[in-house]
């Protein structure tokens, strides 16, 4: 539990558990939905056998939830899937749509990352998709929302665009998040993490122009997770959270998360290190948008064939307050 985490401005938290066996089968996966950081009575949703359901999650402020299941089957044999849920108004999330891998490509890892954007669109990563540019070049798909419902969600999604990775082993789409426009237009931009390259790019959604390229320490898995931090330094431009669970600053794989200025893509506004080797801090990251609060996942317990990954709420004005 806790391989990925998202929190919205309503205080709702969703936590992924992609190898949970307690539902429909081995490594079926599950998600846990909490109404607030203090809620102890989670809604638990399970998926089908070997779905890896909960590998990625995205929760917006209107009660819409996207869940990636890159091992599931829908639409075509062994195709990967994304599930769309909606809060029914009473805090219970119900399934609205299942989106299968559009091209029916087996082992593409479609659903390895998901991002619900404020403009209503959905972006889905397929980090192991092969194309003419190379093996595991990866890709991400953009879907546009159909007619909004009374709850502010949507009745469904239609595929609009695909962007392919450009080099062998790029694994484009491994981590994706929307960020409020930083290039001055009214369209949201995208944060794209590439853990294999230890690199993060911020890209304009209007023409795919690269606005920022942010490089991390080699081998740290920098870019494993990314998120919109909100406007942390109150300069009018939203900032970026980046997870690097393989960072060794404190100890071997203690991990690290950084908040980077969205204005220049270089200024480090906050650094949160793991407490000990093996913590893998930064497996998942999420911003709340209240200037100081973020959620970060790290491993808190290990055992035979198991691990517990805990999402931790952090006040970045006082990083020791976890």
Protein backbone atom coordinates (compact mmCIF):
# COMPACT_ATOMS: atom_id res chain seq x y z
CA UNK A 1 0.00 0.00 0.00
CA UNK A 2 1.18 3.50 -0.82
CA UNK A 3 3.07 2.95 -4.07
CA UNK A 4 1.22 6.03 -5.28
CA UNK A 5 -0.83 8.69 -3.54
CA UNK A 6 -2.96 11.71 -4.44
CA UNK A 7 -4.74 14.28 -2.33
CA UNK A 8 -7.18 16.95 -3.48
CA UNK A 9 -8.20 20.33 -2.12
CA UNK A 10 -11.23 18.76 -0.44
CA UNK A 11 -8.89 16.75 1.79
CA UNK A 12 -9.73 13.40 0.16
CA UNK A 13 -6.79 11.03 -0.20
CA UNK A 14 -6.45 8.01 -2.49
CA UNK A 15 -3.67 5.48 -1.98
CA UNK A 16 -2.69 2.73 -4.42
CA UNK A 17 -1.78 -0.84 -3.47
CA UNK A 18 -0.94 -2.47 -6.78
CA UNK A 19 0.08 -5.91 -5.47
CA UNK A 20 -2.74 -6.32 -2.94
CA UNK A 21 -3.93 -9.97 -2.91
CA UNK A 22 -7.01 -9.52 -0.74
CA UNK A 23 -9.46 -8.88 -3.54
CA UNK A 24 -9.88 -10.92 -6.69
CA UNK A 25 -6.54 -12.69 -6.98
CA UNK A 26 -2.75 -12.62 -6.79
CA UNK A 27 -1.39 -9.09 -7.36
CA UNK A 28 -4.90 -7.96 -8.26
CA UNK A 29 -4.33 -4.59 -6.67
CA UNK A 30 -6.55 -2.21 -4.74
CA UNK A 31 -7.05 1.44 -3.84
CA UNK A 32 -7.89 2.97 -0.47
CA UNK A 33 -9.91 6.20 -0.37
CA UNK A 34 -9.94 8.38 2.76
CA UNK A 35 -12.23 11.36 3.30
CA UNK A 36 -9.50 13.23 5.18
CA UNK A 37 -5.96 12.76 6.56
CA UNK A 38 -7.50 11.67 9.89
CA UNK A 39 -10.05 9.25 8.41
CA UNK A 40 -9.48 5.62 9.51
CA UNK A 41 -12.44 4.05 7.69
CA UNK A 42 -11.32 3.86 4.07
CA UNK A 43 -13.40 2.82 1.10
CA UNK A 44 -11.48 -0.07 -0.48
CA UNK A 45 -11.90 -0.96 -4.15
CA UNK A 46 -10.42 -4.19 -5.53
CA UNK A 47 -9.82 -5.22 -9.14
CA UNK A 48 -9.41 -8.35 -11.24
CA UNK A 49 -6.60 -10.92 -11.04
CA UNK A 50 -3.12 -9.66 -12.02
CA UNK A 51 -4.46 -6.22 -12.88
CA UNK A 52 -1.85 -4.25 -10.93
CA UNK A 53 -4.82 -2.02 -10.19
CA UNK A 54 -3.65 1.01 -8.23
CA UNK A 55 -0.28 1.37 -9.97
CA UNK A 56 -1.22 5.01 -10.53
CA UNK A 57 -3.96 7.29 -9.23
CA UNK A 58 -5.20 10.81 -9.96
CA UNK A 59 -7.92 12.54 -7.94
CA UNK A 60 -9.34 15.94 -8.84
CA UNK A 61 -11.26 18.48 -6.78
CA UNK A 62 -14.57 17.62 -8.46
CA UNK A 63 -14.70 14.04 -7.18
CA UNK A 64 -13.33 12.36 -10.29
CA UNK A 65 -10.76 9.59 -9.85
CA UNK A 66 -8.58 7.81 -12.44
CA UNK A 67 -6.85 4.53 -11.53
CA UNK A 68 -4.21 2.87 -13.68
CA UNK A 69 -4.11 -0.92 -14.02
CA UNK A 70 -1.31 -1.73 -16.48
CA UNK A 71 -1.79 -5.48 -16.00
CA UNK A 72 -5.56 -5.62 -16.59
CA UNK A 73 -7.54 -6.77 -19.61
CA UNK A 74 -10.19 -4.69 -21.32
CA UNK A 75 -11.05 -4.15 -24.96
CA UNK A 76 -8.40 -6.52 -26.31
CA UNK A 77 -6.55 -9.60 -25.08
CA UNK A 78 -4.14 -8.57 -22.32
CA UNK A 79 -4.67 -4.87 -23.05
CA UNK A 80 -4.00 -2.51 -20.18
CA UNK A 81 -6.65 -0.30 -18.64
CA UNK A 82 -7.57 2.88 -16.78
CA UNK A 83 -10.67 2.99 -14.59
CA UNK A 84 -12.67 6.19 -14.06
CA UNK A 85 -14.62 6.59 -10.81
CA UNK A 86 -16.85 9.40 -9.58
CA UNK A 87 -17.84 10.49 -6.08
CA UNK A 88 -21.62 9.95 -5.96
CA UNK A 89 -22.02 12.98 -3.70
CA UNK A 90 -21.89 11.07 -0.44
CA UNK A 91 -18.21 10.18 -0.45
CA UNK A 92 -18.61 6.79 -2.18
CA UNK A 93 -16.80 6.35 -5.47
CA UNK A 94 -18.56 4.41 -8.25
CA UNK A 95 -17.16 3.14 -11.56
CA UNK A 96 -18.11 5.24 -14.59
CA UNK A 97 -15.83 4.04 -17.41
CA UNK A 98 -13.05 1.58 -18.27
CA UNK A 99 -10.55 2.69 -20.92
CA UNK A 100 -8.53 -0.08 -22.56
CA UNK A 101 -5.19 0.37 -24.34
CA UNK A 102 -6.30 2.14 -27.54
CA UNK A 103 -4.01 0.18 -29.84
CA UNK A 104 -4.41 -3.15 -28.05
CA UNK A 105 -0.65 -3.43 -27.55
CA UNK A 106 0.31 -6.11 -25.04
CA UNK A 107 2.96 -5.16 -22.44
CA UNK A 108 2.76 -1.44 -23.28
CA UNK A 109 2.24 -0.63 -19.59
CA UNK A 110 -0.73 1.56 -20.50
CA UNK A 111 -1.91 3.00 -17.19
CA UNK A 112 1.50 3.16 -15.55
CA UNK A 113 0.71 6.84 -14.94
CA UNK A 114 -2.51 8.86 -15.04
CA UNK A 115 -3.31 12.55 -14.71
CA UNK A 116 -6.71 14.21 -14.55
CA UNK A 117 -6.24 17.77 -15.72
CA UNK A 118 -8.17 20.83 -14.51
CA UNK A 119 -9.40 21.42 -18.06
CA UNK A 120 -11.19 18.05 -17.92
CA UNK A 121 -8.74 16.11 -20.07
CA UNK A 122 -7.05 12.85 -19.06
CA UNK A 123 -3.44 11.87 -19.80
CA UNK A 124 -2.32 8.24 -19.58
CA UNK A 125 1.25 6.96 -19.78
CA UNK A 126 2.31 3.75 -21.55
CA UNK A 127 5.96 3.64 -20.58
CA UNK A 128 6.93 0.32 -22.22
CA UNK A 129 5.24 0.87 -25.57
CA UNK A 130 7.44 0.09 -28.57
CA UNK A 131 7.34 2.26 -31.67
CA UNK A 132 9.42 3.02 -34.73
CA UNK A 133 11.80 5.01 -32.52
CA UNK A 134 12.80 2.07 -30.36
CA UNK A 135 11.98 -0.63 -27.82
CA UNK A 136 10.40 0.72 -24.61
CA UNK A 137 10.42 4.22 -26.07
CA UNK A 138 7.08 4.74 -24.34
CA UNK A 139 4.19 7.07 -25.07
CA UNK A 140 1.43 9.08 -23.49
CA UNK A 141 -2.18 9.40 -24.62
CA UNK A 142 -4.47 12.39 -24.18
CA UNK A 143 -8.24 11.90 -23.86
CA UNK A 144 -10.82 14.69 -23.94
CA UNK A 145 -13.82 14.73 -21.63
CA UNK A 146 -17.37 14.39 -22.84
CA UNK A 147 -20.31 16.30 -21.34
CA UNK A 148 -19.72 17.15 -17.66
CA UNK A 149 -22.13 15.71 -15.11
CA UNK A 150 -23.79 17.60 -12.25
CA UNK A 151 -20.96 16.43 -9.99
CA UNK A 152 -18.37 18.13 -12.21
CA UNK A 153 -17.09 14.82 -13.53
CA UNK A 154 -17.61 13.52 -17.07
CA UNK A 155 -19.77 10.99 -18.88
CA UNK A 156 -16.77 9.52 -20.67
CA UNK A 157 -13.50 10.14 -22.50
CA UNK A 158 -12.52 10.08 -26.17
CA UNK A 159 -8.93 9.67 -27.37
CA UNK A 160 -7.50 12.88 -28.83
CA UNK A 161 -3.73 12.50 -29.22
CA UNK A 162 -0.72 10.23 -28.74
CA UNK A 163 2.86 11.41 -28.21
CA UNK A 164 5.56 8.77 -28.73
CA UNK A 165 8.95 8.48 -27.07
CA UNK A 166 11.82 9.36 -29.37
CA UNK A 167 14.65 7.05 -28.31
CA UNK A 168 15.20 3.45 -27.31
CA UNK A 169 14.53 2.90 -23.59
CA UNK A 170 13.19 6.42 -22.95
CA UNK A 171 10.10 5.02 -21.18
CA UNK A 172 8.09 8.17 -21.89
CA UNK A 173 4.95 8.20 -19.79
CA UNK A 174 6.43 6.53 -16.69
CA UNK A 175 5.33 9.54 -14.62
CA UNK A 176 2.97 12.30 -15.74
CA UNK A 177 1.13 15.12 -13.99
CA UNK A 178 -0.72 18.22 -15.11
CA UNK A 179 0.41 21.60 -13.85
CA UNK A 180 -1.39 24.92 -14.06
CA UNK A 181 -0.07 26.84 -17.06
CA UNK A 182 3.43 28.19 -16.53
CA UNK A 183 3.88 29.55 -20.06
CA UNK A 184 1.26 32.26 -19.78
CA UNK A 185 -1.57 30.78 -21.82
CA UNK A 186 -4.83 29.42 -20.46
CA UNK A 187 -3.93 25.76 -21.06
CA UNK A 188 -2.43 23.48 -18.42
CA UNK A 189 1.03 22.10 -19.07
CA UNK A 190 2.46 18.63 -18.37
CA UNK A 191 5.22 17.43 -16.04
CA UNK A 192 6.83 14.32 -17.56
CA UNK A 193 9.21 12.19 -15.51
CA UNK A 194 11.74 9.76 -16.98
CA UNK A 195 13.29 7.72 -14.16
CA UNK A 196 15.51 5.83 -16.59
CA UNK A 197 17.08 9.14 -17.64
CA UNK A 198 16.91 10.79 -14.17
CA UNK A 199 15.20 13.68 -15.88
CA UNK A 200 11.96 15.66 -15.73
CA UNK A 201 10.56 17.90 -18.44
CA UNK A 202 7.74 20.43 -18.32
CA UNK A 203 6.00 20.51 -21.70
CA UNK A 204 3.43 22.86 -23.20
CA UNK A 205 0.28 20.95 -24.14
CA UNK A 206 -0.45 23.31 -27.04
CA UNK A 207 2.59 22.45 -29.16
CA UNK A 208 4.76 20.07 -27.04
CA UNK A 209 7.41 22.77 -26.55
CA UNK A 210 9.78 21.85 -23.70
CA UNK A 211 9.55 24.66 -21.15
CA UNK A 212 11.93 23.22 -18.54
CA UNK A 213 14.38 20.32 -18.43
CA UNK A 214 15.35 19.32 -14.89
CA UNK A 215 18.13 16.80 -14.32
CA UNK A 216 18.65 14.79 -11.15
CA UNK A 217 21.47 12.70 -9.73
CA UNK A 218 22.35 9.75 -11.95
CA UNK A 219 20.90 6.50 -10.64
CA UNK A 220 18.57 8.21 -8.14
CA UNK A 221 15.39 7.41 -10.13
CA UNK A 222 14.78 11.15 -10.27
CA UNK A 223 11.40 11.60 -11.94
CA UNK A 224 9.93 8.34 -10.62
CA UNK A 225 6.98 10.46 -9.45
CA UNK A 226 5.94 14.03 -10.27
CA UNK A 227 3.16 16.41 -9.24
CA UNK A 228 1.92 19.99 -9.29
CA UNK A 229 2.93 21.46 -5.93
CA UNK A 230 0.74 24.53 -6.22
CA UNK A 231 2.28 27.99 -5.90
CA UNK A 232 4.62 27.20 -3.00
CA UNK A 233 6.65 30.44 -3.07
CA UNK A 234 3.66 32.65 -3.89
CA UNK A 235 5.18 34.09 -7.08
CA UNK A 236 2.09 33.50 -9.21
CA UNK A 237 3.46 30.36 -10.95
CA UNK A 238 2.84 26.81 -9.76
CA UNK A 239 5.81 24.73 -8.70
CA UNK A 240 6.86 21.10 -9.21
CA UNK A 241 7.33 18.13 -6.85
CA UNK A 242 9.74 15.42 -8.01
CA UNK A 243 10.39 12.10 -6.32
CA UNK A 244 13.76 10.29 -6.45
CA UNK A 245 13.32 7.10 -4.38
CA UNK A 246 16.78 5.83 -5.31
CA UNK A 247 18.62 8.84 -3.90
CA UNK A 248 21.48 7.91 -1.52
CA UNK A 249 22.04 11.26 0.25
CA UNK A 250 21.05 9.91 3.69
CA UNK A 251 21.59 6.21 3.04
CA UNK A 252 21.31 3.60 0.31
CA UNK A 253 17.94 4.17 -1.39
CA UNK A 254 16.79 6.46 1.42
CA UNK A 255 15.17 8.54 -1.31
CA UNK A 256 14.37 12.18 -1.68
CA UNK A 257 11.68 14.54 -2.89
CA UNK A 258 12.28 18.07 -4.11
CA UNK A 259 10.04 21.04 -4.79
CA UNK A 260 11.37 22.98 -7.81
CA UNK A 261 10.35 26.46 -8.93
CA UNK A 262 7.96 26.36 -11.87
CA UNK A 263 9.12 29.83 -12.90
CA UNK A 264 12.70 28.88 -13.75
CA UNK A 265 12.87 25.08 -13.41
CA UNK A 266 16.11 25.30 -11.39
CA UNK A 267 15.53 26.87 -7.97
CA UNK A 268 15.05 24.24 -5.24
CA UNK A 269 12.34 25.47 -2.87
CA UNK A 270 12.36 22.46 -0.53
CA UNK A 271 14.18 19.15 -0.14
CA UNK A 272 12.73 16.24 1.87
CA UNK A 273 15.17 13.37 2.46
CA UNK A 274 14.38 9.87 3.60
CA UNK A 275 15.16 9.18 7.24
CA UNK A 276 17.15 5.97 6.68
CA UNK A 277 18.45 3.66 3.99
CA UNK A 278 15.72 1.74 2.20
CA UNK A 279 12.97 4.29 2.86
CA UNK A 280 12.68 5.08 -0.86
CA UNK A 281 11.09 8.42 -0.05
CA UNK A 282 9.51 9.83 -3.20
CA UNK A 283 7.89 6.65 -4.52
CA UNK A 284 4.77 8.80 -4.74
CA UNK A 285 4.24 12.56 -4.45
CA UNK A 286 1.21 14.85 -4.46
CA UNK A 287 0.54 18.53 -3.87
CA UNK A 288 -2.50 20.02 -2.16
CA UNK A 289 -2.18 23.57 -3.45
CA UNK A 290 -2.31 25.35 -0.08
CA UNK A 291 1.28 26.63 -0.46
CA UNK A 292 2.88 24.37 2.15
CA UNK A 293 1.35 20.87 2.26
CA UNK A 294 2.47 17.90 0.18
CA UNK A 295 2.08 14.13 0.43
CA UNK A 296 5.03 11.79 -0.09
CA UNK A 297 5.19 7.99 0.03
CA UNK A 298 8.03 6.02 1.63
CA UNK A 299 8.58 2.45 2.79
CA UNK A 300 8.00 2.12 6.54
CA UNK A 301 8.09 -1.64 7.05
CA UNK A 302 9.54 -4.66 5.27
CA UNK A 303 9.03 -8.35 5.67
CA UNK A 304 9.07 -11.60 3.75
CA UNK A 305 7.45 -10.93 0.38
CA UNK A 306 5.86 -7.73 1.59
CA UNK A 307 6.40 -4.06 2.14
CA UNK A 308 4.28 -1.30 3.65
CA UNK A 309 4.58 2.03 1.89
CA UNK A 310 3.21 4.90 3.95
CA UNK A 311 1.94 8.18 2.54
CA UNK A 312 3.16 11.01 4.78
CA UNK A 313 1.66 14.50 4.89
CA UNK A 314 4.42 17.12 5.20
CA UNK A 315 4.42 20.83 5.91
CA UNK A 316 7.32 21.95 3.69
CA UNK A 317 7.66 25.14 5.67
CA UNK A 318 8.74 22.84 8.51
CA UNK A 319 9.96 19.60 6.81
CA UNK A 320 10.51 17.88 10.15
CA UNK A 321 6.76 18.05 10.83
CA UNK A 322 5.63 14.77 9.27
